[in-house]
Protein backbone atom coordinates (compact mmCIF):
# COMPACT_ATOMS: atom_id res chain seq x y z
CA UNK A 1 58.73 26.29 188.97
CA UNK A 2 58.91 23.29 191.22
CA UNK A 3 61.59 21.65 189.15
CA UNK A 4 63.71 24.87 188.86
CA UNK A 5 63.50 25.53 192.57
CA UNK A 6 64.71 22.10 193.53
CA UNK A 7 67.56 22.54 191.18
CA UNK A 8 68.59 26.00 192.73
CA UNK A 9 68.46 24.32 196.01
CA UNK A 10 70.70 21.41 194.90
CA UNK A 11 72.94 23.82 193.39
CA UNK A 12 73.07 26.00 196.66
CA UNK A 13 73.74 22.91 198.73
CA UNK A 14 76.59 21.89 196.46
CA UNK A 15 78.07 25.25 196.74
CA UNK A 16 77.70 25.33 200.39
CA UNK A 17 79.21 21.79 200.72
CA UNK A 18 82.05 22.96 198.52
CA UNK A 19 82.72 26.00 200.49
CA UNK A 20 82.73 23.99 203.76
CA UNK A 21 85.13 21.63 202.22
CA UNK A 22 87.30 24.34 201.02
CA UNK A 23 87.15 26.13 204.40
CA UNK A 24 88.05 22.76 206.23
CA UNK A 25 90.95 22.34 203.97
CA UNK A 26 92.07 26.14 204.37
CA UNK A 27 91.36 25.66 208.13
CA UNK A 28 93.53 22.70 208.29
CA UNK A 29 96.24 24.12 206.26
CA UNK A 30 96.33 27.42 208.47
CA UNK A 31 96.39 24.91 211.33
CA UNK A 32 99.46 23.21 209.94
CA UNK A 33 101.02 26.39 209.17
CA UNK A 34 100.45 27.80 212.58
CA UNK A 35 101.66 24.42 214.01
CA UNK A 36 104.75 24.61 211.98
CA UNK A 37 105.49 28.25 213.14
CA UNK A 38 105.03 27.29 216.76
CA UNK A 39 107.34 24.22 215.96
CA UNK A 40 109.93 26.38 214.23
CA UNK A 41 109.68 29.03 217.06
CA UNK A 42 110.31 26.41 219.72
CA UNK A 43 113.04 24.95 217.43
CA UNK A 44 114.54 28.48 217.19
CA UNK A 45 114.22 28.79 220.91
CA UNK A 46 116.20 25.74 221.70
CA UNK A 47 118.74 26.33 219.00
CA UNK A 48 119.17 29.79 220.36
CA UNK A 49 119.60 28.38 223.84
CA UNK A 50 122.08 25.94 222.51
CA UNK A 51 124.19 28.78 221.05
CA UNK A 52 123.99 31.04 223.96
CA UNK A 53 125.20 28.14 226.30
CA UNK A 54 128.06 27.20 223.92
CA UNK A 55 128.88 30.82 223.49
CA UNK A 56 129.06 31.28 227.23
CA UNK A 57 131.09 28.25 227.63
CA UNK A 58 133.54 29.64 225.11
CA UNK A 59 133.61 33.37 226.11
CA UNK A 60 133.62 32.85 230.25
CA UNK A 61 135.74 30.04 230.69
CA UNK A 62 138.40 29.67 227.92
CA UNK A 63 141.37 27.40 229.14
CA UNK A 64 139.78 26.99 232.66
CA UNK A 65 136.95 25.07 231.23
CA UNK A 66 136.13 22.21 233.40
CA UNK A 67 133.34 19.92 233.97
CA UNK A 68 132.06 21.88 237.09
CA UNK A 69 132.18 24.95 235.22
CA UNK A 70 130.19 23.43 232.29
CA UNK A 71 127.49 21.94 234.79
CA UNK A 72 127.15 25.41 236.58
CA UNK A 73 126.70 27.26 233.43
CA UNK A 74 123.95 24.81 232.04
CA UNK A 75 122.10 24.70 235.36
CA UNK A 76 122.07 28.44 235.76
CA UNK A 77 120.40 28.75 232.35
CA UNK A 78 117.98 25.96 232.09
CA UNK A 79 115.07 28.08 233.65
CA UNK A 80 115.06 29.67 230.24
CA UNK A 81 113.60 26.69 228.24
CA UNK A 82 112.33 24.31 230.81
CA UNK A 83 110.41 24.35 233.99
CA UNK A 84 111.54 22.32 237.00
CA UNK A 85 111.54 22.49 240.76
CA UNK A 86 115.08 21.68 241.26
CA UNK A 87 118.19 20.96 239.16
CA UNK A 88 121.16 19.28 240.51
CA UNK A 89 124.43 17.61 239.44
CA UNK A 90 127.04 15.06 240.72
CA UNK A 91 130.66 15.31 240.11
CA UNK A 92 132.76 12.37 240.64
CA UNK A 93 136.09 12.84 242.15
CA UNK A 94 138.70 10.55 243.33
CA UNK A 95 138.31 11.12 247.08
CA UNK A 96 134.79 12.31 247.11
CA UNK A 97 131.39 13.25 245.26
CA UNK A 98 130.35 16.86 244.87
CA UNK A 99 126.60 17.15 244.99
CA UNK A 100 124.94 20.55 244.20
CA UNK A 101 121.42 21.25 243.77
CA UNK A 102 119.66 24.35 242.71
CA UNK A 103 116.13 24.70 244.16
CA UNK A 104 113.88 26.82 241.87
CA UNK A 105 110.48 26.12 243.92
CA UNK A 106 110.14 25.32 247.59
CA UNK A 107 110.75 21.76 248.13
CA UNK A 108 111.48 19.39 251.16
CA UNK A 109 114.75 17.89 252.38
CA UNK A 110 113.04 14.57 251.74
CA UNK A 111 112.55 15.65 248.05
CA UNK A 112 116.37 16.41 247.69
CA UNK A 113 117.21 13.15 249.50
CA UNK A 114 115.22 11.53 246.99
CA UNK A 115 116.92 13.29 243.90
CA UNK A 116 120.20 12.36 245.51
CA UNK A 117 119.48 8.78 245.98
CA UNK A 118 117.98 8.44 242.43
CA UNK A 119 121.31 10.04 241.00
CA UNK A 120 123.42 7.72 243.10
CA UNK A 121 121.53 4.51 242.01
CA UNK A 122 121.98 5.98 238.41
CA UNK A 123 125.83 6.46 238.56
CA UNK A 124 126.23 3.10 240.40
CA UNK A 125 124.37 1.22 237.55
CA UNK A 126 126.29 3.09 234.90
CA UNK A 127 129.73 2.62 236.17
CA UNK A 128 128.93 -0.75 238.04
CA UNK A 129 130.54 0.62 241.33
CA UNK A 130 129.41 1.06 244.95
CA UNK A 131 129.50 4.55 246.17
CA UNK A 132 127.98 3.70 249.80
CA UNK A 133 131.25 4.62 251.71
CA UNK A 134 132.19 7.61 249.60
CA UNK A 135 132.23 10.84 250.88
CA UNK A 136 129.49 13.47 249.62
CA UNK A 137 130.13 16.98 249.92
CA UNK A 138 126.46 18.62 249.47
CA UNK A 139 125.52 22.17 248.82
CA UNK A 140 122.22 23.82 247.87
CA UNK A 141 121.17 27.24 246.70
CA UNK A 142 118.26 29.12 245.40
CA UNK A 143 114.88 29.02 247.05
CA UNK A 144 114.96 27.73 250.92
CA UNK A 145 113.58 24.29 251.27
CA UNK A 146 110.00 23.87 252.79
CA UNK A 147 109.76 20.72 254.81
CA UNK A 148 106.06 21.06 255.10
CA UNK A 149 105.88 20.43 251.42
CA UNK A 150 104.45 16.95 250.65
CA UNK A 151 105.55 17.11 247.14
CA UNK A 152 107.41 13.73 245.98
CA UNK A 153 109.62 13.38 242.91
CA UNK A 154 107.08 13.15 240.23
CA UNK A 155 109.00 13.21 237.07
CA UNK A 156 112.92 13.46 236.50
CA UNK A 157 115.56 12.73 234.18
CA UNK A 158 119.42 12.14 234.28
CA UNK A 159 121.91 13.13 231.73
CA UNK A 160 125.33 11.67 231.94
CA UNK A 161 128.33 13.83 231.53
CA UNK A 162 131.12 12.24 229.55
CA UNK A 163 134.64 13.71 229.10
CA UNK A 164 136.93 11.75 226.59
CA UNK A 165 134.81 8.73 226.89
CA UNK A 166 134.72 8.65 230.52
CA UNK A 167 131.60 9.37 232.84
CA UNK A 168 132.76 11.93 235.03
CA UNK A 169 129.30 13.20 236.55
CA UNK A 170 125.47 13.52 236.21
CA UNK A 171 122.89 16.30 235.51
CA UNK A 172 119.55 15.87 237.12
CA UNK A 173 116.14 17.83 236.35
CA UNK A 174 113.33 16.93 238.90
CA UNK A 175 109.69 18.24 239.36
CA UNK A 176 106.74 17.06 241.62
CA UNK A 177 104.59 16.89 238.65
CA UNK A 178 104.15 13.27 237.44
CA UNK A 179 105.09 12.50 233.71
CA UNK A 180 105.78 16.18 233.20
CA UNK A 181 108.77 15.92 231.13
CA UNK A 182 108.44 15.01 227.58
CA UNK A 183 110.98 13.51 225.10
CA UNK A 184 111.72 17.03 223.57
CA UNK A 185 112.92 18.75 226.83
CA UNK A 186 114.92 15.68 227.58
CA UNK A 187 116.52 15.61 224.00
CA UNK A 188 117.31 19.34 224.29
CA UNK A 189 119.09 19.14 227.54
CA UNK A 190 120.89 15.81 226.45
CA UNK A 191 121.95 17.68 223.35
CA UNK A 192 123.31 20.62 225.23
CA UNK A 193 125.26 18.40 227.56
CA UNK A 194 126.69 16.41 224.85
CA UNK A 195 127.86 19.69 222.95
CA UNK A 196 129.42 20.93 226.32
CA UNK A 197 131.08 17.62 226.71
CA UNK A 198 132.60 17.70 223.25
CA UNK A 199 133.79 21.21 223.75
CA UNK A 200 135.46 20.13 226.91
CA UNK A 201 137.00 17.08 225.39
CA UNK A 202 138.47 18.89 222.60
CA UNK A 203 139.75 21.85 224.91
CA UNK A 204 141.23 18.89 227.11
CA UNK A 205 143.03 17.26 224.27
CA UNK A 206 144.84 20.75 223.74
CA UNK A 207 145.46 21.19 227.47
CA UNK A 208 146.85 17.56 227.69
CA UNK A 209 149.13 18.23 224.85
CA UNK A 210 150.41 21.44 226.47
CA UNK A 211 150.36 19.88 229.95
CA UNK A 212 152.68 16.97 228.46
CA UNK A 213 155.08 19.65 227.22
CA UNK A 214 154.96 21.29 230.64
CA UNK A 215 155.37 18.19 232.73
CA UNK A 216 158.36 17.22 230.40
CA UNK A 217 159.90 20.60 231.36
CA UNK A 218 158.97 20.53 235.00
CA UNK A 219 160.33 16.88 235.29
CA UNK A 220 163.54 17.91 234.04
CA UNK A 221 163.90 20.77 236.64
CA UNK A 222 166.57 20.26 239.36
CA UNK A 223 164.33 21.90 241.71
CA UNK A 224 161.32 19.98 243.26
CA UNK A 225 158.10 21.08 242.22
CA UNK A 226 154.56 20.11 243.46
CA UNK A 227 151.33 21.87 242.31
CA UNK A 228 148.08 21.24 244.16
CA UNK A 229 144.38 22.27 243.39
CA UNK A 230 142.10 24.27 245.91
CA UNK A 231 141.14 20.77 247.54
CA UNK A 232 144.76 20.07 248.03
CA UNK A 233 144.88 17.44 245.43
CA UNK A 234 148.38 16.96 244.05
CA UNK A 235 148.33 17.68 240.30
CA UNK A 236 151.88 17.72 239.54
CA UNK A 237 155.03 16.16 241.47
CA UNK A 238 158.17 16.10 239.57
CA UNK A 239 160.96 13.51 240.22
CA UNK A 240 162.96 15.98 241.93
CA UNK A 241 160.33 16.62 244.45
CA UNK A 242 159.86 12.86 245.04
CA UNK A 243 163.70 12.40 245.41
CA UNK A 244 163.81 15.38 247.99
CA UNK A 245 161.37 13.52 250.36
CA UNK A 246 162.38 9.99 249.58
CA UNK A 247 159.23 9.18 247.57
CA UNK A 248 160.92 7.85 244.36
CA UNK A 249 159.14 4.40 244.59
CA UNK A 250 155.81 5.67 245.93
CA UNK A 251 153.18 5.97 243.33
CA UNK A 252 150.06 7.50 244.79
CA UNK A 253 151.25 10.58 246.72
CA UNK A 254 149.26 13.02 248.78
CA UNK A 255 149.62 16.25 250.56
CA UNK A 256 149.63 14.41 253.73
CA UNK A 257 152.83 12.38 252.69
CA UNK A 258 154.70 15.47 252.24
CA UNK A 259 153.35 17.19 255.29
CA UNK A 260 154.36 13.99 257.33
CA UNK A 261 157.84 14.18 255.95
CA UNK A 262 158.32 17.81 256.99
CA UNK A 263 156.76 17.27 260.27
CA UNK A 264 157.36 19.92 262.99
CA UNK A 265 159.92 21.65 260.55
CA UNK A 266 157.12 23.19 258.62
CA UNK A 267 153.43 22.94 258.83
CA UNK A 268 152.86 22.60 254.99
CA UNK A 269 148.95 22.60 255.09
CA UNK A 270 148.91 25.65 257.21
CA UNK A 271 151.42 27.43 254.83
CA UNK A 272 149.41 26.59 251.82
CA UNK A 273 146.23 27.70 253.21
CA UNK A 274 147.82 31.02 254.39
CA UNK A 275 149.63 31.56 250.87
CA UNK A 276 146.23 31.00 249.06
CA UNK A 277 143.92 32.91 251.29
CA UNK A 278 146.25 35.94 251.66
CA UNK A 279 147.67 35.70 248.09
CA UNK A 280 151.17 36.01 249.05
CA UNK A 281 154.41 34.14 248.61
CA UNK A 282 155.94 32.13 251.47
CA UNK A 283 159.68 31.42 251.53
CA UNK A 284 160.93 28.96 254.56
CA UNK A 285 164.33 29.20 256.09
CA UNK A 286 166.57 26.41 255.23
CA UNK A 287 165.11 22.96 256.40
CA UNK A 288 167.26 19.83 256.44
CA UNK A 289 165.95 16.74 254.79
CA UNK A 290 168.31 13.64 255.18
CA UNK A 291 171.75 14.97 254.19
CA UNK A 292 170.45 17.84 252.13
CA UNK A 293 169.13 21.36 252.85
CA UNK A 294 166.11 22.87 251.14
CA UNK A 295 164.51 26.19 250.89
CA UNK A 296 160.45 25.80 250.38
CA UNK A 297 158.48 28.39 248.38
CA UNK A 298 154.84 28.27 248.39
CA UNK A 299 153.01 30.45 246.10
CA UNK A 300 149.30 30.61 245.01
CA UNK A 301 148.48 30.03 241.40
CA UNK A 302 145.87 32.30 239.73
CA UNK A 303 144.07 32.23 236.38
CA UNK A 304 142.16 35.83 235.47
CA UNK A 305 142.06 36.46 239.14
CA UNK A 306 140.59 33.25 240.15
CA UNK A 307 142.51 30.90 242.59
CA UNK A 308 143.63 27.55 241.10
CA UNK A 309 145.67 26.27 243.97
CA UNK A 310 149.33 26.68 244.74
CA UNK A 311 152.55 25.73 243.65
CA UNK A 312 155.39 24.38 246.24
CA UNK A 313 159.03 24.49 245.03
CA UNK A 314 161.75 22.56 247.04
CA UNK A 315 164.91 24.66 246.27
CA UNK A 316 167.99 22.42 246.96
CA UNK A 317 170.49 24.71 248.56
CA UNK A 318 172.73 22.13 249.76
CA UNK A 319 175.58 22.88 247.18
CA UNK A 320 175.10 26.63 247.96
CA UNK A 321 175.71 25.94 251.67
CA UNK A 322 178.59 23.78 250.89
CA UNK A 323 180.19 26.45 248.64
CA UNK A 324 179.52 29.33 251.18
CA UNK A 325 181.29 26.94 253.82
CA UNK A 326 184.15 26.58 251.53
CA UNK A 327 184.45 30.15 250.82
CA UNK A 328 184.29 30.92 254.44
CA UNK A 329 187.12 28.45 254.97
CA UNK A 330 189.11 29.64 251.93
CA UNK A 331 188.78 33.40 253.23
CA UNK A 332 190.06 32.18 256.71
CA UNK A 333 192.98 30.36 255.09
CA UNK A 334 193.88 33.39 252.88
CA UNK A 335 193.83 35.57 255.93
CA UNK A 336 196.13 33.08 257.72
CA UNK A 337 198.31 32.78 254.96
CA UNK A 338 198.68 36.50 254.73
CA UNK A 339 199.08 36.90 258.64
CA UNK A 340 201.92 34.40 259.20
CA UNK A 341 204.28 36.38 256.74
CA UNK A 342 202.98 39.79 257.98
CA UNK A 343 203.71 38.69 261.68
CA UNK A 344 207.26 37.65 260.55
CA UNK A 345 207.94 40.83 258.93
CA UNK A 346 206.71 42.92 261.88
CA UNK A 347 208.88 40.81 264.30
CA UNK A 348 211.99 40.90 262.26
CA UNK A 349 211.61 44.85 261.66
CA UNK A 350 210.88 45.34 265.59
CA UNK A 351 214.09 43.22 266.43
CA UNK A 352 216.23 45.15 264.16
CA UNK A 353 214.79 48.58 265.30
CA UNK A 354 214.90 48.13 269.11
CA UNK A 355 218.03 46.06 269.57
CA UNK A 356 221.65 45.92 268.23
CA UNK A 357 222.11 42.90 266.04
CA UNK A 358 225.26 41.62 264.55
CA UNK A 359 225.79 41.60 260.61
CA UNK A 360 225.15 37.98 260.41
CA UNK A 361 221.77 38.14 262.37
CA UNK A 362 220.78 41.27 260.38
CA UNK A 363 221.31 39.30 257.09
CA UNK A 364 219.08 36.48 258.43
CA UNK A 365 216.52 38.93 259.33
CA UNK A 366 216.68 40.52 255.89
CA UNK A 367 216.34 36.98 254.14
CA UNK A 368 213.23 36.11 256.43
CA UNK A 369 211.73 39.57 255.43
CA UNK A 370 212.42 39.01 251.87
CA UNK A 371 211.01 35.33 252.18
CA UNK A 372 207.83 36.48 253.83
CA UNK A 373 207.32 39.49 251.63
CA UNK A 374 207.86 36.84 248.64
CA UNK A 375 205.41 34.59 249.92
CA UNK A 376 202.70 37.43 250.33
CA UNK A 377 203.38 38.66 246.66
CA UNK A 378 203.16 35.08 245.34
CA UNK A 379 199.82 34.87 247.16
CA UNK A 380 198.58 38.29 245.90
CA UNK A 381 199.60 37.43 242.23
CA UNK A 382 197.79 34.08 242.59
CA UNK A 383 194.66 35.97 243.65
CA UNK A 384 195.16 38.56 240.90
CA UNK A 385 195.33 35.70 238.26
CA UNK A 386 192.22 34.06 239.48
CA UNK A 387 190.38 37.36 239.49
CA UNK A 388 191.56 37.87 235.93
CA UNK A 389 190.40 34.52 235.09
CA UNK A 390 187.00 34.69 236.58
CA UNK A 391 186.55 38.27 234.67
CA UNK A 392 187.36 36.52 231.34
CA UNK A 393 190.53 38.74 230.75
CA UNK A 394 193.09 35.75 230.83
CA UNK A 395 194.94 36.04 227.26
CA UNK A 396 197.40 33.66 225.85
CA UNK A 397 200.30 34.45 223.67
CA UNK A 398 200.74 31.33 221.63
CA UNK A 399 203.87 30.65 219.47
CA UNK A 400 205.88 27.78 218.19
CA UNK A 401 207.87 26.68 221.16
CA UNK A 402 210.26 23.50 222.34
CA UNK A 403 208.70 22.03 225.29
CA UNK A 404 212.10 20.20 225.95
CA UNK A 405 214.01 23.42 226.25
CA UNK A 406 211.41 24.89 228.55
CA UNK A 407 211.36 21.62 230.88
CA UNK A 408 215.11 21.76 231.08
CA UNK A 409 215.32 25.25 232.00
CA UNK A 410 212.58 24.86 234.82
CA UNK A 411 214.60 21.89 236.17
CA UNK A 412 217.74 23.89 236.04
CA UNK A 413 216.03 26.61 237.92
CA UNK A 414 214.82 24.30 240.75
CA UNK A 415 217.84 22.37 241.09
CA UNK A 416 219.38 24.41 243.94
CA UNK A 417 216.16 24.13 245.78
CA UNK A 418 215.73 20.38 245.19
CA UNK A 419 219.34 19.71 246.38
CA UNK A 420 218.67 21.80 249.70
CA UNK A 421 216.02 19.31 250.63
CA UNK A 422 217.98 16.27 249.22
CA UNK A 423 215.54 15.71 246.30
CA UNK A 424 216.83 14.61 242.97
CA UNK A 425 215.11 16.21 239.90
CA UNK A 426 215.28 14.89 236.31
CA UNK A 427 213.61 15.07 232.84
CA UNK A 428 212.38 12.00 230.67
CA UNK A 429 211.22 12.25 227.13
CA UNK A 430 209.41 9.96 224.87
CA UNK A 431 211.14 9.28 221.53
CA UNK A 432 208.66 11.12 219.28
CA UNK A 433 208.32 14.21 221.35
CA UNK A 434 208.25 17.16 218.52
CA UNK A 435 210.54 19.81 218.63
CA UNK A 436 208.15 22.79 218.30
CA UNK A 437 204.27 22.84 219.23
CA UNK A 438 202.31 25.83 219.48
CA UNK A 439 201.42 27.15 222.90
CA UNK A 440 201.97 29.99 225.29
CA UNK A 441 205.55 29.48 226.72
CA UNK A 442 205.20 31.91 229.53
CA UNK A 443 201.97 30.26 231.16
CA UNK A 444 203.35 27.03 230.45
CA UNK A 445 206.59 27.82 232.27
CA UNK A 446 204.34 28.90 235.29
CA UNK A 447 202.41 25.65 235.15
CA UNK A 448 205.62 23.79 235.42
CA UNK A 449 206.92 26.00 238.06
CA UNK A 450 203.81 25.22 240.15
CA UNK A 451 203.88 21.45 239.64
CA UNK A 452 207.61 21.17 240.29
CA UNK A 453 207.60 23.26 243.35
CA UNK A 454 204.66 21.33 244.74
CA UNK A 455 206.40 18.00 243.95
CA UNK A 456 209.65 19.03 245.76
CA UNK A 457 207.64 20.22 248.73
CA UNK A 458 206.04 16.97 249.25
CA UNK A 459 208.85 14.56 248.44
CA UNK A 460 210.93 13.08 251.54
CA UNK A 461 214.63 13.19 251.70
CA UNK A 462 216.43 11.34 249.06
CA UNK A 463 213.44 11.12 246.95
CA UNK A 464 213.06 12.14 243.30
CA UNK A 465 211.06 14.20 241.16
CA UNK A 466 210.83 13.55 237.41
CA UNK A 467 209.46 15.83 234.57
CA UNK A 468 208.18 13.71 231.83
CA UNK A 469 206.95 14.36 228.14
CA UNK A 470 205.58 12.08 225.51
CA UNK A 471 203.46 12.32 222.29
CA UNK A 472 199.98 11.04 222.64
CA UNK A 473 198.12 9.71 219.47
CA UNK A 474 194.20 9.80 219.37
CA UNK A 475 192.86 6.31 220.42
CA UNK A 476 196.13 4.87 221.95
CA UNK A 477 196.26 4.30 225.77
CA UNK A 478 198.26 6.47 227.96
CA UNK A 479 199.51 3.37 230.02
CA UNK A 480 201.01 1.71 226.68
CA UNK A 481 202.58 4.94 225.43
CA UNK A 482 204.15 5.51 228.89
CA UNK A 483 205.50 1.86 228.92
CA UNK A 484 206.93 2.06 225.14
CA UNK A 485 208.53 5.25 226.32
CA UNK A 486 209.90 3.74 229.47
CA UNK A 487 208.13 6.19 231.74
CA UNK A 488 206.86 5.28 235.28
CA UNK A 489 203.97 7.11 236.82
CA UNK A 490 200.91 6.87 238.95
CA UNK A 491 198.31 7.28 236.09
CA UNK A 492 196.29 4.24 236.37
CA UNK A 493 193.18 5.17 234.05
CA UNK A 494 193.89 4.11 230.40
CA UNK A 495 192.65 7.35 228.72
CA UNK A 496 192.11 6.97 225.00
CA UNK A 497 189.63 9.84 224.07
CA UNK A 498 192.34 12.65 224.07
CA UNK A 499 193.17 14.03 220.52
CA UNK A 500 196.71 14.16 219.32
CA UNK A 501 198.57 15.99 222.01
CA UNK A 502 201.88 16.66 223.87
CA UNK A 503 201.45 15.12 227.29
CA UNK A 504 203.59 16.65 230.04
CA UNK A 505 203.70 15.08 233.61
CA UNK A 506 205.34 15.70 236.88
CA UNK A 507 205.99 12.35 239.06
CA UNK A 508 207.48 12.37 242.52
CA UNK A 509 207.69 9.52 245.23
CA UNK A 510 206.39 11.67 248.08
CA UNK A 511 203.50 11.36 250.62
CA UNK A 512 200.90 10.95 247.86
CA UNK A 513 197.22 11.96 248.03
CA UNK A 514 194.03 10.39 249.42
CA UNK A 515 191.70 9.19 246.74
CA UNK A 516 188.82 11.35 248.06
CA UNK A 517 190.93 14.32 247.41
CA UNK A 518 192.05 13.77 243.94
CA UNK A 519 188.83 15.28 242.28
CA UNK A 520 188.99 18.15 244.54
CA UNK A 521 192.68 19.51 243.73
CA UNK A 522 191.77 21.78 240.86
CA UNK A 523 189.02 23.59 242.49
CA UNK A 524 190.05 27.01 243.84
CA UNK A 525 188.01 26.49 246.84
CA UNK A 526 187.78 22.80 247.69
CA UNK A 527 191.14 22.08 247.70
CA UNK A 528 191.67 24.31 250.57
CA UNK A 529 190.73 21.55 252.84
CA UNK A 530 192.60 18.72 251.08
CA UNK A 531 195.67 17.04 252.32
CA UNK A 532 197.60 18.45 249.81
CA UNK A 533 197.85 21.65 251.25
CA UNK A 534 198.68 20.62 254.75
CA UNK A 535 202.40 21.62 254.49
CA UNK A 536 201.39 25.13 253.68
CA UNK A 537 200.18 27.16 250.78
CA UNK A 538 196.89 28.10 249.27
CA UNK A 539 196.70 25.45 246.68
CA UNK A 540 195.32 28.26 244.25
CA UNK A 541 198.31 27.24 241.85
CA UNK A 542 196.45 24.34 240.88
CA UNK A 543 193.31 26.09 240.04
CA UNK A 544 195.29 28.53 237.88
CA UNK A 545 197.03 25.56 236.09
CA UNK A 546 193.70 24.16 235.19
CA UNK A 547 192.53 27.41 233.67
CA UNK A 548 195.74 27.92 231.74
CA UNK A 549 195.43 24.33 230.33
CA UNK A 550 191.87 24.73 229.59
CA UNK A 551 192.51 27.78 227.67
CA UNK A 552 195.00 25.77 225.52
CA UNK A 553 192.08 23.39 225.01
CA UNK A 554 194.09 20.64 226.97
CA UNK A 555 193.09 18.67 230.17
CA UNK A 556 194.66 18.39 233.42
CA UNK A 557 194.53 15.43 235.89
CA UNK A 558 196.31 13.55 238.71
CA UNK A 559 197.04 10.13 239.80
CA UNK A 560 198.49 9.12 243.20
CA UNK A 561 199.00 5.97 245.45
CA UNK A 562 198.90 7.54 249.15
CA UNK A 563 202.35 6.93 250.78
CA UNK A 564 204.18 6.26 247.51
CA UNK A 565 203.67 9.18 245.44
CA UNK A 566 201.81 11.28 242.79
CA UNK A 567 201.82 12.37 239.01
CA UNK A 568 200.45 15.60 237.90
CA UNK A 569 199.85 15.86 234.18
CA UNK A 570 198.43 18.01 231.25
CA UNK A 571 197.90 17.88 227.60
CA UNK A 572 198.52 20.46 224.86
CA UNK A 573 196.64 19.67 221.73
CA UNK A 574 198.65 19.40 218.45
CA UNK A 575 196.75 20.96 215.57
C-alpha cells in the first residue's frame, strides 16, 4: 500500500508540474498573442493616421499645397495619436521667421519661450546660420497660457521639414513630463512629416514646371506684370515691368522699389491692400514714367476663394496716346483742308451773286470754284479709298501691261502742269525692262499720278522730275543696277533681298525731306505732321500708294537728301 501510494503521489506531482508547464507556455503564448494584437492595433492606428493625414493633404490642398499648409494640417491632427502640452512650428522665410504654437494644456510664457529658443538653436545648428537679428512673427492659439504654471520643458523633439532637399522649417512637440516621448512616437511623427515633405516636393516639381511655362509666357508679354503674395513679397516680375520702372539691372526687387518709383503719383501699397481687402480691381488714370505713359491695373488673385495676393499690370499706353494725338491732328488737318476750298467756293459764289462781274472775272471765279471743288473731291476720294482699304474691300484687276507706255502717258498728262511751274519732266528706262508685266494698270497709274504730282509740287523752278524704271534681279544691289542703267537717284541703301521685280522710281531735285521724316511718309496719320506736306495736301496719297503696292506684293520706299532732292520708288514682283 505504501509503495502504491508513493507512486500515485509521484504521478500526481508529475501531472501537476506538466499541467503547470503547459499553462505557463499557454499563458506566455496568450500574452504574446495579446501583445501582438496590441502592437498591431497601434501600428494600424498609426498607419490609419498616416493615411488620414496624407489623404487630407491631397483632398484639401491640391495645387495650393505649401509648407505652412502641411504643418498646420499635421499639428491639427497630432492629438489623435500623441499626447503633448504644446506643438509648434517654425517656417523660414527670406525676410522673417513665422513661429506658431498650439497650446493643448495650460503652460506659461516661459515654457513657450523655452520651446522657441530650443527650435532656434536647432535650426541654427542644422543650417549653420545665425538668426539673432531675424524678425520673428509669433502667433499662438488653443488653450490660454498660465503664467502661474511652473512646468518646464521636460521632453520634446524636433522634426525638420525638408522640401526639395532644403530645410524650410521645423516641427516641435513638447511636454512638461520628463522623458515622456519614446522612439515610436518620434518615428511616427517623423514618418508623417517625411511623407508630407515628399508630397510637397513632388507637387512642387509639377508646379515649377508649370511656372516655368507661365513665366516664359509672362516674360514675353509687352505689358509689365508683377505678382505679389499676401505678405507683399514679389513672386513674378517680368522684363517689361523692370523696363517700365528702370530696374533692368537690379536683381533683388521689392514692392518698396516699385512704390518708391511711383511716389506720389500712386500709393501702390495702399491700392494693393485695398484691392485684396475689398476684392476689387483698381485701374489708375494715366501715369507718366519717364517719356512713357502707363495705366496701372491692380487685381486680387484667388484660388478656391482663398486670397493668394495680387497682380499688378503696367499697361503701356504711350503708343495709344501718340496715335490718339495724331488722329486728332489728322482730323484737324482734314477739317482745315475741307474748310479752305469751301470758303473759296462760298466767297466766289457770293461775289458772283451780289455784284456785277465782267466775263473775264466770271471765268476766273468759275475756275476757282472748279479748282476748289476738285480739291475737295480728291480729298473725299482719298478718304474713301482709305476706308475701302481698311475694310479689306480693295480689289485689284491684274492684267499683262506695258509699264513704259503707262509711264509715258502719265508724263504726257503732267507735261502742261510741269511747264506752268517751269519744271522739266522726263523718263529713263533700263535696257532690260520687260515689255509686259502682270499688274493692275489703273491703280499703278494712280500711284504714278500721286508721285509725279508731289514731285512737281516740291521741285523749284528750272528743276527736273525723272520717272525711272529698271529690272531688278534677286541678289543684285539696286545701286549697281541703277549705275549700269545710267540712272541717278537718292536711294543709298543697297537693297539685295528683293525678289525679281520691276522697279519704278520718281526722282526730283526739289527741297528734299528731313531724315527723321522718311519712315513716317507712308503712314496715313503720322505723315500729316511731316515737312513733306507743308506745301499743302493731306499726304493720304502716300498711304494709298503703300496699300496698292502691298496688294501687288511689292514694297515702297524713299530716299532723300534735304535741300537736294528725293526719290520715291516701288516694286512689282515678276512671277
